[in-house]
Amino acid sequence: MKILVINSGSSSIKYQLFEMLGQTALAGGSIERIGQKDSQATHWVYRDGEVRKHSRVLAVKDHRAGLKIVAQLLTDPEVGVIPHPSEVDAVGHRVVHGGENFSTTTLIGKDVRASIKKLIPLAPLHNPANLKGIEVAMEVFARARQVAVFDTAFHQTLPEEAFRYAIPGTLYRDNGIRVYGFHGTSHRYVARKTAEHLGRDLKKTRLITAHLGNGASITAVKDGKSVDTSMGFSPLAGLMMGTRCGDIDPSVIFYLHRSLGMTVDEIDALLNRQSGLQGVGGNSDLRDILKRAEAGEGDAQLALKMYAYRIKKYIGAYIAVLNRVDALVFTAGVGENSPYIRGKSCEGLEHLGIILDDGKNKTAPRGVSEIQADGSKIKVLVIPTNEELEIALQTEELIKSAPIN
């Protein structure tokens, strides 16, 4: 079975084609700057044990044109891997927000598209582009079955005491204001991989999974289910991130408006795009912050302390939530590649059962690796996330369980 995974953004399309027998990525790439004259098409193909990359600049008018280019690249005699778009059996779409409507991976039909459209107010920057990708893929890959995999679905198992806000109930019942959580596909994937590594049944495993990238979230996973997560109604809540502030006293917003005269849009931009590492340390990329901190810059050093401190607070909270923890898992760009952040996030947690081995942490190889010390009660793992493969796996599972009549 060949499954194409599509992540359609407001001005980009990212894609990977998988052969599910062996779970191999055959090809992938991205179409960037859609709608501009200098759009960038980047395509790679896995062939003869090597990844070969091809790039070109061209004008891509819209998402329809972008997906047609994707189909052309996948079927190109020189850089393609399939003879015709009809070779694609299913298309798995990343959809950011499923609200309370979707708790599982779902076959896409007219009603599902209508529901995704109704949820646009909850994800105005993402759901419209996700929906556009679905509509165009139904034309370009007409034979394939279309499947939606929702970022929020994994967190639909949160108990009510965890997902409700302490505001009047009518705002939840009538307007859907509650914790939804995000990065669910990544958290689900690393939870699955952790259970495999430990040789345990996921349904009997308790984990804390930390997805640390430009966007960052941490989740408590009990018996394979998300029971608490740091992001909330939007991806703004929780941990300090590249440009997002994370948790903040809501009264700060009132002060910014009433005392400093900032508009709602200005406050939105401040908290989402000008805060976090960017706001405190002057750069949104942790690698730049680390270099400047090593050079002795105080703002960068403070940004690192704040970033790790927030992670540590959530680890402690989720140990309390879970009572027993089998493993703490670091994943995504920062989680996989920054021994410094992993070390600082676990520093001082020995009494809670987390003891890092400094040597293992600094030399952790690519792939699944354990970095805890011998006396640590809780295992500490580094696991590369693969959201595209997780989307493909969920799509395959659904297709096999829902055969065509």
Protein backbone atom coordinates (compact mmCIF):
# COMPACT_ATOMS: atom_id res chain seq x y z
CA MET A 1 0.00 0.00 0.00
CA LYS A 2 1.32 3.44 -0.95
CA ILE A 3 0.20 6.36 1.21
CA LEU A 4 0.87 10.02 0.50
CA VAL A 5 1.02 12.28 3.56
CA ILE A 6 0.17 15.94 2.99
CA ASN A 7 0.63 18.88 5.35
CA SER A 8 -1.00 21.85 3.65
CA GLY A 9 -0.10 25.23 5.14
CA SER A 10 -1.27 28.72 4.29
CA SER A 11 1.52 29.19 1.73
CA SER A 12 3.18 25.78 1.58
CA ILE A 13 2.63 22.08 0.96
CA LYS A 14 4.83 19.45 2.59
CA TYR A 15 4.53 15.84 1.46
CA GLN A 16 5.96 12.34 1.83
CA LEU A 17 5.09 9.15 -0.03
CA PHE A 18 5.38 5.91 1.97
CA GLU A 19 5.46 2.28 0.96
CA MET A 20 3.77 0.79 3.99
CA LEU A 21 5.32 -2.62 3.47
CA GLY A 22 8.50 -1.88 5.39
CA GLN A 23 7.29 1.62 6.37
CA THR A 24 9.70 3.19 3.89
CA ALA A 25 9.59 6.83 2.78
CA LEU A 26 10.05 6.69 -1.00
CA ALA A 27 10.04 10.42 -1.71
CA GLY A 28 9.02 13.74 -0.25
CA GLY A 29 9.54 17.45 -0.32
CA SER A 30 7.82 20.80 -0.12
CA ILE A 31 6.34 23.60 -2.17
CA GLU A 32 7.10 26.90 -0.43
CA ARG A 33 5.94 30.50 -1.02
CA ILE A 34 2.79 29.50 -2.87
CA GLY A 35 1.18 32.45 -4.60
CA GLN A 36 4.48 34.18 -5.34
CA LYS A 37 6.62 34.32 -8.48
CA ASP A 38 9.64 32.82 -6.72
CA SER A 39 8.01 29.74 -5.22
CA GLN A 40 10.48 27.05 -4.19
CA ALA A 41 9.93 23.39 -5.02
CA THR A 42 12.19 20.97 -3.14
CA HIS A 43 11.89 17.26 -3.87
CA TRP A 44 13.89 14.29 -2.60
CA VAL A 45 13.79 10.66 -3.59
CA TYR A 46 15.17 7.65 -1.71
CA ARG A 47 16.87 5.41 -4.24
CA ASP A 48 19.67 2.82 -4.07
CA GLY A 49 20.14 3.52 -0.37
CA GLU A 50 20.68 7.24 -0.91
CA VAL A 51 18.60 10.40 -0.64
CA ARG A 52 18.85 12.52 -3.77
CA LYS A 53 17.57 16.11 -3.61
CA HIS A 54 16.28 18.33 -6.41
CA SER A 55 15.26 21.99 -6.13
CA ARG A 56 13.92 24.63 -8.49
CA VAL A 57 12.33 28.06 -8.36
CA LEU A 58 9.06 28.57 -10.23
CA ALA A 59 5.76 30.42 -10.01
CA VAL A 60 3.08 28.45 -8.16
CA LYS A 61 -0.24 30.25 -8.40
CA ASP A 62 -2.19 28.36 -5.72
CA HIS A 63 -2.50 25.07 -3.84
CA ARG A 64 -4.12 23.36 -6.83
CA ALA A 65 -1.07 24.19 -8.94
CA GLY A 66 1.19 23.14 -6.05
CA LEU A 67 -0.36 19.69 -5.68
CA LYS A 68 -0.24 19.16 -9.42
CA ILE A 69 3.50 19.84 -9.23
CA VAL A 70 3.75 17.30 -6.40
CA ALA A 71 2.00 14.72 -8.61
CA GLN A 72 4.34 15.56 -11.50
CA LEU A 73 7.43 15.17 -9.33
CA LEU A 74 6.26 11.84 -7.92
CA THR A 75 5.67 10.47 -11.43
CA ASP A 76 8.60 12.14 -13.23
CA PRO A 77 10.74 9.58 -15.17
CA GLU A 78 13.94 10.93 -13.59
CA VAL A 79 13.00 11.96 -10.04
CA GLY A 80 9.70 10.15 -9.52
CA VAL A 81 8.92 6.86 -7.79
CA ILE A 82 5.51 5.91 -9.22
CA PRO A 83 4.26 5.73 -12.85
CA HIS A 84 0.91 7.48 -12.28
CA PRO A 85 -1.00 9.31 -9.48
CA SER A 86 -3.44 6.39 -9.41
CA GLU A 87 -0.66 4.38 -7.72
CA VAL A 88 -1.40 6.30 -4.52
CA ASP A 89 -3.85 4.20 -2.47
CA ALA A 90 -4.62 6.78 0.19
CA VAL A 91 -3.80 10.35 1.15
CA GLY A 92 -3.36 11.13 4.84
CA HIS A 93 -3.96 14.81 5.64
CA ARG A 94 -2.66 16.61 8.71
CA VAL A 95 -5.53 18.71 10.08
CA VAL A 96 -4.63 20.92 13.01
CA HIS A 97 -7.98 21.27 14.78
CA GLY A 98 -10.71 18.69 15.13
CA GLY A 99 -12.43 20.27 18.12
CA GLU A 100 -14.62 17.81 20.00
CA ASN A 101 -15.95 16.48 16.70
CA PHE A 102 -13.02 14.16 16.00
CA SER A 103 -11.26 11.92 18.50
CA THR A 104 -9.93 9.45 15.92
CA THR A 105 -8.52 9.34 12.41
CA THR A 106 -11.42 9.77 9.98
CA LEU A 107 -12.30 9.01 6.37
CA ILE A 108 -13.05 12.28 4.62
CA GLY A 109 -16.47 12.80 3.12
CA LYS A 110 -18.73 15.77 2.60
CA ASP A 111 -19.80 15.90 6.26
CA VAL A 112 -16.21 15.78 7.51
CA ARG A 113 -15.19 18.63 5.22
CA ALA A 114 -18.15 20.65 6.48
CA SER A 115 -17.12 20.01 10.09
CA ILE A 116 -13.52 21.08 9.43
CA LYS A 117 -14.89 24.27 7.89
CA LYS A 118 -17.06 24.96 10.95
CA LEU A 119 -13.97 24.62 13.14
CA ILE A 120 -12.09 27.38 11.31
CA PRO A 121 -12.77 29.94 14.11
CA LEU A 122 -10.77 27.69 16.47
CA ALA A 123 -7.79 27.50 14.06
CA PRO A 124 -8.12 30.38 11.59
CA LEU A 125 -4.51 30.14 10.40
CA HIS A 126 -4.44 26.38 9.85
CA ASN A 127 -7.80 24.74 9.14
CA PRO A 128 -8.54 26.77 5.96
CA ALA A 129 -5.24 25.65 4.42
CA ASN A 130 -5.77 22.06 5.61
CA LEU A 131 -9.21 22.06 4.01
CA LYS A 132 -7.86 23.48 0.76
CA GLY A 133 -5.28 20.70 0.64
CA ILE A 134 -8.02 18.11 1.07
CA GLU A 135 -10.20 19.57 -1.67
CA VAL A 136 -7.35 19.76 -4.18
CA ALA A 137 -6.01 16.28 -3.32
CA MET A 138 -9.44 14.83 -4.04
CA GLU A 139 -9.03 16.13 -7.60
CA VAL A 140 -5.35 15.35 -8.19
CA PHE A 141 -5.36 11.93 -6.50
CA ALA A 142 -8.91 11.00 -7.42
CA ARG A 143 -8.55 7.23 -6.93
CA ALA A 144 -7.03 7.52 -3.45
CA ARG A 145 -9.07 7.42 -0.27
CA GLN A 146 -8.71 10.66 1.68
CA VAL A 147 -8.11 10.48 5.43
CA ALA A 148 -7.90 13.22 8.08
CA VAL A 149 -5.50 12.88 11.02
CA PHE A 150 -6.16 15.59 13.62
CA ASP A 151 -3.47 17.14 15.85
CA THR A 152 -6.03 17.52 18.62
CA ALA A 153 -7.48 13.98 18.44
CA PHE A 154 -4.96 12.33 20.79
CA HIS A 155 -5.94 14.75 23.55
CA GLN A 156 -9.66 14.05 23.38
CA THR A 157 -9.12 11.51 26.18
CA LEU A 158 -8.38 14.27 28.70
CA PRO A 159 -10.71 14.00 31.71
CA GLU A 160 -13.08 16.89 32.22
CA GLU A 161 -11.21 18.20 35.25
CA ALA A 162 -8.16 18.58 32.99
CA PHE A 163 -9.77 20.06 29.88
CA ARG A 164 -12.26 22.49 31.45
CA TYR A 165 -11.35 26.07 32.32
CA ALA A 166 -12.67 27.61 35.55
CA ILE A 167 -15.02 29.94 33.67
CA PRO A 168 -18.83 29.81 33.32
CA GLY A 169 -19.93 26.49 31.85
CA THR A 170 -21.97 28.12 29.11
CA LEU A 171 -18.73 29.31 27.47
CA TYR A 172 -17.68 25.68 27.15
CA ARG A 173 -21.06 24.27 26.17
CA ASP A 174 -22.05 27.03 23.73
CA ASN A 175 -18.66 28.22 22.45
CA GLY A 176 -16.32 25.27 22.87
CA ILE A 177 -13.81 27.11 25.08
CA ARG A 178 -11.72 24.34 26.65
CA VAL A 179 -8.28 22.73 26.51
CA TYR A 180 -7.75 20.98 23.17
CA GLY A 181 -4.01 20.39 23.12
CA PHE A 182 -1.81 20.08 20.03
CA HIS A 183 1.17 18.10 18.67
CA GLY A 184 -1.00 15.04 19.31
CA THR A 185 0.40 13.13 16.33
CA SER A 186 3.95 13.52 17.64
CA HIS A 187 3.03 12.62 21.22
CA ARG A 188 1.17 9.53 20.02
CA TYR A 189 4.10 8.44 17.84
CA VAL A 190 6.80 8.73 20.52
CA ALA A 191 4.53 7.07 23.09
CA ARG A 192 4.12 4.13 20.72
CA LYS A 193 7.88 3.97 20.04
CA THR A 194 8.69 4.19 23.76
CA ALA A 195 6.43 1.25 24.59
CA GLU A 196 8.06 -0.76 21.79
CA HIS A 197 11.53 0.09 23.10
CA LEU A 198 10.63 -0.83 26.67
CA GLY A 199 8.93 -4.04 25.56
CA ARG A 200 5.76 -3.00 27.34
CA ASP A 201 2.10 -2.88 26.41
CA LEU A 202 1.35 0.79 25.69
CA LYS A 203 -1.97 0.34 27.49
CA LYS A 204 -0.05 -0.41 30.68
CA THR A 205 2.60 2.29 30.33
CA ARG A 206 2.82 5.76 31.90
CA LEU A 207 4.91 8.38 30.13
CA ILE A 208 5.75 12.06 30.02
CA THR A 209 6.44 13.09 26.42
CA ALA A 210 8.15 16.43 25.75
CA HIS A 211 7.86 17.73 22.17
CA LEU A 212 10.38 20.57 22.16
CA GLY A 213 10.73 22.51 18.92
CA ASN A 214 9.96 26.06 17.85
CA GLY A 215 6.53 25.15 19.16
CA ALA A 216 6.71 23.10 22.35
CA SER A 217 4.33 21.01 24.44
CA ILE A 218 4.49 18.32 27.09
CA THR A 219 1.93 15.58 27.70
CA ALA A 220 1.10 13.11 30.44
CA VAL A 221 0.26 9.73 28.86
CA LYS A 222 -1.46 7.16 31.07
CA ASP A 223 -2.03 3.68 29.69
CA GLY A 224 -1.62 4.96 26.14
CA LYS A 225 -4.01 7.88 26.56
CA SER A 226 -3.34 11.60 26.95
CA VAL A 227 -4.61 12.71 30.36
CA ASP A 228 -3.08 16.21 30.49
CA THR A 229 -1.16 18.46 28.13
CA SER A 230 0.45 21.88 28.31
CA MET A 231 -1.09 23.58 25.27
CA GLY A 232 -4.69 24.64 25.73
CA PHE A 233 -7.45 26.31 23.73
CA SER A 234 -4.68 27.34 21.33
CA PRO A 235 -0.99 26.47 20.90
CA LEU A 236 -0.08 29.62 22.88
CA ALA A 237 -0.36 28.09 26.36
CA GLY A 238 2.13 26.05 28.36
CA LEU A 239 5.87 25.98 27.78
CA MET A 240 8.02 28.90 26.67
CA MET A 241 8.58 28.54 22.90
CA GLY A 242 10.51 30.08 20.04
CA THR A 243 8.21 33.08 19.65
CA ARG A 244 5.23 32.21 21.91
CA CYS A 245 5.06 33.30 25.54
CA GLY A 246 3.49 30.15 26.98
CA ASP A 247 1.64 30.44 30.29
CA ILE A 248 0.96 34.04 31.31
CA ASP A 249 -1.33 35.82 33.77
CA PRO A 250 -4.43 36.83 31.70
CA SER A 251 -4.48 40.20 33.45
CA VAL A 252 -1.31 41.12 31.56
CA ILE A 253 -3.49 41.29 28.45
CA PHE A 254 -5.88 43.74 30.13
CA TYR A 255 -2.93 45.87 31.25
CA LEU A 256 -1.41 45.93 27.75
CA HIS A 257 -4.72 47.14 26.36
CA ARG A 258 -5.90 49.55 29.06
CA SER A 259 -2.61 51.05 30.22
CA LEU A 260 -0.39 50.77 27.14
CA GLY A 261 -3.12 51.24 24.54
CA MET A 262 -2.29 48.12 22.54
CA THR A 263 -4.96 46.74 20.24
CA VAL A 264 -6.10 43.11 20.30
CA ASP A 265 -4.19 42.41 17.08
CA GLU A 266 -1.03 43.98 18.51
CA ILE A 267 -1.31 41.89 21.67
CA ASP A 268 -1.91 38.77 19.57
CA ALA A 269 1.26 39.48 17.57
CA LEU A 270 3.23 40.23 20.75
CA LEU A 271 2.34 36.99 22.53
CA ASN A 272 2.46 34.68 19.48
CA ARG A 273 5.30 36.07 17.37
CA GLN A 274 7.43 38.41 19.50
CA SER A 275 7.73 36.59 22.82
CA GLY A 276 9.30 33.36 24.08
CA LEU A 277 13.00 32.95 23.27
CA GLN A 278 12.67 35.79 20.77
CA GLY A 279 11.24 38.21 23.31
CA VAL A 280 13.56 37.38 26.19
CA GLY A 281 16.76 36.37 24.43
CA GLY A 282 16.59 38.16 21.09
CA ASN A 283 16.47 35.05 18.86
CA SER A 284 13.76 32.45 18.21
CA ASP A 285 16.25 29.70 17.34
CA LEU A 286 17.65 27.93 20.40
CA ARG A 287 20.98 27.34 18.63
CA ASP A 288 21.51 31.10 18.34
CA ILE A 289 20.52 31.58 21.97
CA LEU A 290 23.03 28.93 23.08
CA LYS A 291 25.88 30.61 21.14
CA ARG A 292 25.10 34.00 22.61
CA ALA A 293 24.75 32.57 26.12
CA GLU A 294 28.17 30.92 25.79
CA ALA A 295 29.54 34.33 24.80
CA GLY A 296 28.26 35.69 28.11
CA GLU A 297 25.17 37.61 26.98
CA GLY A 298 22.84 37.95 29.97
CA ASP A 299 19.54 38.03 28.07
CA ALA A 300 20.38 34.80 26.27
CA GLN A 301 21.42 33.13 29.53
CA LEU A 302 18.16 34.19 31.17
CA ALA A 303 16.14 32.87 28.21
CA LEU A 304 17.75 29.44 28.61
CA LYS A 305 17.07 29.37 32.35
CA MET A 306 13.41 30.30 31.81
CA TYR A 307 12.99 27.78 28.99
CA ALA A 308 14.34 24.86 31.03
CA TYR A 309 12.58 25.98 34.22
CA ARG A 310 9.15 25.83 32.56
CA ILE A 311 9.86 22.30 31.28
CA LYS A 312 10.99 21.18 34.75
CA LYS A 313 7.80 22.56 36.34
CA TYR A 314 5.61 20.57 33.97
CA ILE A 315 7.65 17.39 34.47
CA GLY A 316 7.08 17.67 38.20
CA ALA A 317 3.39 18.39 37.76
CA TYR A 318 2.89 15.41 35.47
CA ILE A 319 4.73 13.06 37.81
CA ALA A 320 2.07 14.08 40.35
CA VAL A 321 -0.71 13.54 37.80
CA LEU A 322 0.51 10.08 36.78
CA ASN A 323 1.70 8.89 40.22
CA ARG A 324 3.95 6.30 38.56
CA VAL A 325 6.09 7.18 35.54
CA ASP A 326 7.92 4.61 33.40
CA ALA A 327 9.75 7.07 31.16
CA LEU A 328 10.33 10.72 30.33
CA VAL A 329 10.76 11.18 26.57
CA PHE A 330 12.40 14.09 24.74
CA THR A 331 11.58 14.61 21.06
CA ALA A 332 11.44 17.17 18.20
CA GLY A 333 14.20 19.59 17.15
CA VAL A 334 15.29 20.84 20.58
CA GLY A 335 14.39 17.70 22.48
CA GLU A 336 16.39 15.48 20.13
CA ASN A 337 19.39 17.74 19.61
CA SER A 338 20.04 19.78 22.75
CA PRO A 339 21.84 17.93 25.58
CA TYR A 340 21.98 21.27 27.42
CA ILE A 341 18.20 21.69 27.58
CA ARG A 342 17.66 18.03 28.45
CA GLY A 343 20.19 18.33 31.26
CA LYS A 344 18.86 21.57 32.69
CA SER A 345 15.24 20.36 32.45
CA CYS A 346 16.07 17.31 34.58
CA GLU A 347 18.46 19.03 36.98
CA GLY A 348 17.38 18.69 40.60
CA LEU A 349 14.72 16.05 39.93
CA GLU A 350 16.67 13.22 41.57
CA HIS A 351 14.27 13.04 44.50
CA LEU A 352 11.44 12.46 42.00
CA GLY A 353 13.25 9.52 40.41
CA ILE A 354 14.94 11.20 37.43
CA ILE A 355 18.75 11.01 37.29
CA LEU A 356 20.56 11.75 34.03
CA ASP A 357 23.87 10.24 33.00
CA ASP A 358 25.79 13.30 31.80
CA GLY A 359 27.95 11.30 29.41
CA LYS A 360 25.04 9.47 27.81
CA ASN A 361 23.11 12.72 27.51
CA LYS A 362 25.93 14.50 25.70
CA THR A 363 26.71 11.61 23.34
CA ALA A 364 23.20 10.26 22.65
CA PRO A 365 23.28 8.75 19.14
CA ARG A 366 20.65 9.39 16.48
CA GLY A 367 17.70 7.10 17.05
CA VAL A 368 16.13 5.76 20.22
CA SER A 369 18.53 6.13 23.13
CA GLU A 370 18.41 5.99 26.93
CA ILE A 371 20.26 8.72 28.80
CA GLN A 372 19.35 8.01 32.44
CA ALA A 373 21.89 6.97 35.07
CA ASP A 374 21.90 3.44 36.44
CA GLY A 375 20.14 4.47 39.65
CA SER A 376 17.33 6.40 37.98
CA LYS A 377 13.87 5.04 38.81
CA ILE A 378 12.41 6.71 35.71
CA LYS A 379 13.96 6.03 32.33
CA VAL A 380 14.86 9.08 30.25
CA LEU A 381 14.73 8.59 26.48
CA VAL A 382 15.52 10.57 23.36
CA ILE A 383 13.31 9.47 20.46
CA PRO A 384 13.18 11.18 17.05
CA THR A 385 9.60 12.04 16.19
CA ASN A 386 8.15 11.18 12.79
CA GLU A 387 4.74 12.79 12.45
CA GLU A 388 4.54 11.97 8.74
CA LEU A 389 5.04 8.26 9.39
CA GLU A 390 2.52 8.37 12.24
CA ILE A 391 -0.05 9.94 9.90
CA ALA A 392 0.70 7.20 7.34
CA LEU A 393 0.37 4.47 10.00
CA GLN A 394 -2.95 5.83 11.25
CA THR A 395 -4.19 6.14 7.68
CA GLU A 396 -3.20 2.55 6.93
CA GLU A 397 -4.90 1.27 10.09
CA LEU A 398 -8.13 3.06 9.17
CA ILE A 399 -8.08 1.92 5.53
CA LYS A 400 -7.57 -1.71 6.55
CA SER A 401 -10.41 -1.50 9.08
CA ALA A 402 -12.80 0.27 6.68
CA PRO A 403 -12.64 -1.64 3.38
CA ILE A 404 -14.47 -0.29 0.34
CA ASN A 405 -17.91 -1.84 -0.01
